[in-house]
N, C-alpha and C. Protein backbone atom coordinates (compact mmCIF):
# COMPACT_ATOMS: atom_id res chain seq x y z
N MET A 1 2.27 5.09 24.25
CA MET A 1 3.57 5.36 23.42
C MET A 1 3.48 6.48 23.20
N VAL A 2 4.63 7.51 23.06
CA VAL A 2 4.98 8.73 23.26
C VAL A 2 5.81 8.84 21.76
N LEU A 3 5.31 9.81 21.15
CA LEU A 3 5.96 10.41 19.69
C LEU A 3 5.58 11.47 18.99
N GLU A 4 6.37 11.86 18.27
CA GLU A 4 5.83 13.55 17.66
C GLU A 4 4.65 13.34 17.00
N MET A 5 3.64 14.48 16.80
CA MET A 5 2.57 14.19 16.13
C MET A 5 2.39 13.98 14.63
N SER A 6 3.26 14.21 14.16
CA SER A 6 3.39 13.91 12.43
C SER A 6 3.52 12.42 12.09
N LEU A 7 3.78 11.83 12.81
CA LEU A 7 3.86 10.09 12.69
C LEU A 7 2.98 9.16 12.93
N GLN A 8 2.73 8.40 12.08
CA GLN A 8 1.39 7.59 12.29
C GLN A 8 1.99 6.46 13.40
N VAL A 9 0.80 5.87 14.56
CA VAL A 9 0.99 5.11 14.98
C VAL A 9 -0.07 3.70 14.87
N SER A 10 0.70 2.48 14.87
CA SER A 10 -0.35 1.44 14.63
C SER A 10 -0.08 0.39 15.79
N TRP A 11 -1.02 -0.42 15.99
CA TRP A 11 -1.30 -1.41 16.98
C TRP A 11 -1.21 -2.92 16.37
N VAL A 12 -0.65 -3.85 16.37
CA VAL A 12 -0.81 -5.16 15.89
C VAL A 12 -0.68 -6.38 16.77
N ARG A 13 -1.41 -7.26 16.64
CA ARG A 13 -1.45 -8.24 17.78
C ARG A 13 -0.78 -9.50 17.35
N HIS A 14 -0.31 -9.96 17.77
CA HIS A 14 0.79 -10.85 17.43
C HIS A 14 0.44 -12.18 17.41
N ARG A 15 -0.68 -12.76 17.89
CA ARG A 15 -1.16 -14.03 18.14
C ARG A 15 -1.70 -14.58 16.58
N ASP A 16 -2.15 -13.69 15.96
CA ASP A 16 -2.69 -13.91 14.48
C ASP A 16 -2.24 -12.71 13.62
N VAL A 17 -1.25 -12.05 14.00
CA VAL A 17 -0.33 -10.74 13.26
C VAL A 17 -1.80 -9.92 12.31
N HIS A 18 -2.17 -9.74 13.42
CA HIS A 18 -3.84 -8.65 12.98
C HIS A 18 -3.38 -7.43 13.23
N LEU A 19 -3.29 -6.72 11.96
CA LEU A 19 -3.48 -5.10 12.29
C LEU A 19 -4.75 -4.73 12.76
N LEU A 20 -4.72 -4.10 13.56
CA LEU A 20 -5.56 -3.71 15.04
C LEU A 20 -5.98 -2.12 14.50
N THR A 21 -4.93 -1.31 14.35
CA THR A 21 -5.36 0.08 14.43
C THR A 21 -4.37 0.73 13.57
N VAL A 22 -4.64 1.95 13.07
CA VAL A 22 -3.62 2.57 11.99
C VAL A 22 -4.14 4.13 12.64
N GLY A 23 -3.31 4.96 13.34
CA GLY A 23 -4.11 6.41 13.66
C GLY A 23 -5.31 5.93 14.31
N ARG A 24 -6.13 6.59 14.22
CA ARG A 24 -7.56 6.68 15.16
C ARG A 24 -8.63 5.22 14.22
N TYR A 25 -7.85 5.15 12.99
CA TYR A 25 -8.69 3.92 12.40
C TYR A 25 -8.68 2.88 12.68
N THR A 26 -9.59 2.24 13.11
CA THR A 26 -9.76 0.89 13.36
C THR A 26 -9.83 -0.23 12.40
N TYR A 27 -9.14 -1.39 12.14
CA TYR A 27 -9.12 -2.11 11.34
C TYR A 27 -9.25 -3.93 11.10
N THR A 28 -9.67 -3.68 12.53
CA THR A 28 -10.71 -5.18 13.15
C THR A 28 -12.30 -4.89 13.31
N SER A 29 -12.81 -5.86 12.98
CA SER A 29 -14.24 -5.96 13.14
C SER A 29 -14.63 -6.00 14.56
N ASP A 30 -13.86 -6.47 15.60
CA ASP A 30 -14.18 -6.56 16.80
C ASP A 30 -13.90 -4.88 17.59
N GLN A 31 -15.43 -4.66 17.57
CA GLN A 31 -15.79 -3.55 18.33
C GLN A 31 -14.95 -2.98 19.59
N ARG A 32 -14.23 -4.31 20.04
CA ARG A 32 -14.20 -3.91 21.58
C ARG A 32 -12.64 -3.07 21.64
N PHE A 33 -11.86 -3.22 20.59
CA PHE A 33 -10.54 -2.31 20.26
C PHE A 33 -10.46 -0.87 19.70
N ARG A 34 -9.74 -0.19 19.96
CA ARG A 34 -9.92 1.10 19.60
C ARG A 34 -8.78 1.84 19.99
N ALA A 35 -8.00 2.73 19.22
CA ALA A 35 -6.97 3.52 19.46
C ALA A 35 -7.38 4.93 20.04
N ILE A 36 -7.02 5.30 21.41
CA ILE A 36 -6.69 6.57 21.89
C ILE A 36 -6.09 7.78 21.57
N HIS A 37 -6.63 8.35 20.89
CA HIS A 37 -5.12 9.96 21.12
C HIS A 37 -6.17 11.30 21.49
N GLN A 38 -5.40 11.48 22.51
CA GLN A 38 -6.15 12.97 23.02
C GLN A 38 -5.62 14.15 22.05
N PRO A 39 -5.58 15.39 21.51
CA PRO A 39 -5.51 16.18 20.86
C PRO A 39 -4.23 16.65 21.74
N HIS A 40 -3.24 17.33 20.96
CA HIS A 40 -2.16 17.78 21.67
C HIS A 40 -1.41 16.94 22.63
N SER A 41 -1.44 15.29 22.47
CA SER A 41 -0.81 14.84 23.56
C SER A 41 -0.17 14.15 22.66
N GLU A 42 0.92 13.51 22.91
CA GLU A 42 1.93 12.42 22.24
C GLU A 42 1.47 10.75 22.76
N ASP A 43 0.68 10.56 23.50
CA ASP A 43 0.43 9.46 24.13
C ASP A 43 -0.82 8.94 23.04
N TRP A 44 -0.36 7.64 22.74
CA TRP A 44 -1.22 6.57 21.86
C TRP A 44 -1.85 5.51 22.68
N THR A 45 -2.75 5.09 23.11
CA THR A 45 -3.50 3.88 23.69
C THR A 45 -4.21 3.17 22.99
N LEU A 46 -4.31 1.38 23.02
CA LEU A 46 -5.15 0.62 22.91
C LEU A 46 -5.76 0.27 23.55
N GLN A 47 -7.01 0.49 23.54
CA GLN A 47 -8.16 0.22 24.39
C GLN A 47 -8.85 -1.06 24.05
N ILE A 48 -8.89 -1.65 24.78
CA ILE A 48 -9.71 -3.23 24.53
C ILE A 48 -10.73 -3.27 25.74
N LYS A 49 -12.18 -2.95 25.40
CA LYS A 49 -13.30 -3.14 25.99
C LYS A 49 -13.59 -4.47 26.76
N TYR A 50 -13.99 -4.68 27.69
CA TYR A 50 -14.23 -6.24 28.24
C TYR A 50 -13.28 -7.18 28.01
N PRO A 51 -11.71 -7.25 28.41
CA PRO A 51 -10.81 -8.06 27.92
C PRO A 51 -10.91 -9.72 28.04
N GLN A 52 -10.76 -10.30 27.46
CA GLN A 52 -10.74 -11.90 27.59
C GLN A 52 -10.03 -12.51 27.74
N HIS A 53 -9.70 -13.57 28.39
CA HIS A 53 -8.52 -14.57 28.62
C HIS A 53 -7.64 -14.73 27.02
N ARG A 54 -8.59 -14.70 26.11
CA ARG A 54 -7.88 -15.06 24.57
C ARG A 54 -7.20 -13.70 24.11
N ASP A 55 -7.49 -12.74 24.34
CA ASP A 55 -7.01 -11.39 24.46
C ASP A 55 -5.37 -11.08 24.84
N SER A 56 -5.09 -12.37 25.84
CA SER A 56 -3.83 -12.46 26.25
C SER A 56 -2.65 -12.43 25.15
N GLY A 57 -1.58 -11.86 25.30
CA GLY A 57 -0.46 -12.23 24.35
C GLY A 57 0.19 -10.88 23.96
N VAL A 58 0.97 -10.92 23.08
CA VAL A 58 1.63 -9.67 22.71
C VAL A 58 1.17 -8.65 21.71
N TYR A 59 1.35 -7.62 21.99
CA TYR A 59 0.68 -6.59 20.96
C TYR A 59 1.94 -5.59 20.64
N GLU A 60 2.13 -5.17 19.72
CA GLU A 60 3.01 -4.29 19.46
C GLU A 60 2.48 -2.53 18.63
N CYS A 61 3.04 -1.79 19.48
CA CYS A 61 2.92 -0.54 19.06
C CYS A 61 4.02 -0.15 18.10
N GLN A 62 3.41 0.30 16.87
CA GLN A 62 4.74 0.60 15.67
C GLN A 62 4.74 2.13 15.19
N VAL A 63 5.46 2.52 15.08
CA VAL A 63 5.85 4.27 14.69
C VAL A 63 6.32 4.41 13.72
N SER A 64 5.72 5.00 12.51
CA SER A 64 6.04 4.97 11.37
C SER A 64 7.46 6.16 11.11
N SER A 65 8.23 5.72 11.84
CA SER A 65 9.38 6.90 11.54
C SER A 65 10.48 6.17 10.86
N THR A 66 11.57 6.86 10.64
CA THR A 66 12.78 6.25 10.19
C THR A 66 13.84 6.32 10.88
N PRO A 67 14.24 5.60 11.50
CA PRO A 67 14.18 4.21 11.34
C PRO A 67 12.66 3.94 12.29
N HIS A 68 12.30 2.70 11.67
CA HIS A 68 10.89 2.04 12.10
C HIS A 68 11.26 1.76 14.14
N LEU A 69 10.31 2.41 14.53
CA LEU A 69 10.04 2.15 15.96
C LEU A 69 9.08 1.20 16.31
N SER A 70 9.46 0.46 17.39
CA SER A 70 8.52 -0.57 17.71
C SER A 70 8.55 -0.78 19.38
N HIS A 71 7.54 -1.20 19.91
CA HIS A 71 7.30 -1.27 21.59
C HIS A 71 6.18 -2.46 21.86
N PHE A 72 7.05 -3.57 22.55
CA PHE A 72 5.83 -4.53 22.55
C PHE A 72 5.55 -4.72 23.90
N ILE A 73 4.28 -5.13 23.77
CA ILE A 73 3.68 -5.10 25.58
C ILE A 73 2.92 -6.63 25.36
N HIS A 74 3.65 -7.14 26.73
CA HIS A 74 2.63 -8.69 27.02
C HIS A 74 1.72 -8.36 27.66
N LEU A 75 0.34 -8.75 27.37
CA LEU A 75 -0.78 -8.29 28.00
C LEU A 75 -0.96 -10.10 28.67
N THR A 76 -1.23 -9.79 29.82
CA THR A 76 -2.28 -11.29 30.52
C THR A 76 -3.65 -10.71 31.02
N VAL A 77 -4.68 -11.41 30.68
CA VAL A 77 -5.95 -11.23 31.49
C VAL A 77 -6.32 -12.29 32.41
N ILE A 78 -6.39 -11.93 33.65
CA ILE A 78 -6.78 -13.11 34.55
C ILE A 78 -8.20 -12.56 34.99
N GLY A 79 -8.89 -13.63 34.89
CA GLY A 79 -10.33 -13.49 35.28
C GLY A 79 -11.20 -13.08 34.42
N GLU A 80 -12.56 -13.04 33.91
CA GLU A 80 -13.24 -12.68 33.11
C GLU A 80 -14.79 -11.66 33.53
C-alpha cells in the first residue's frame, strides 16, 4: 500500500476482525506477523513468517486519512 508519510497504516485480519498492526507496532501475540516500512518509502507491507493454511483469508490495509482508505487483499496459502 502506498501513502503519504504523515498517515497511519493499519492491517486487519477479517477472519476474526483482529487488528494486527498499527504503524510499526504489532498488536497480535503471534510473532509471525509484522509491518514493514522502509524509511523514505511510501510502501507498507504485512509480513507473515511461515504462513499456514489457516492464515488464508481476507486482510485489510487501512489508511488513517479523511476520507478513510482501505485496500482488501485475499491471501491463499497453498502447502505448508
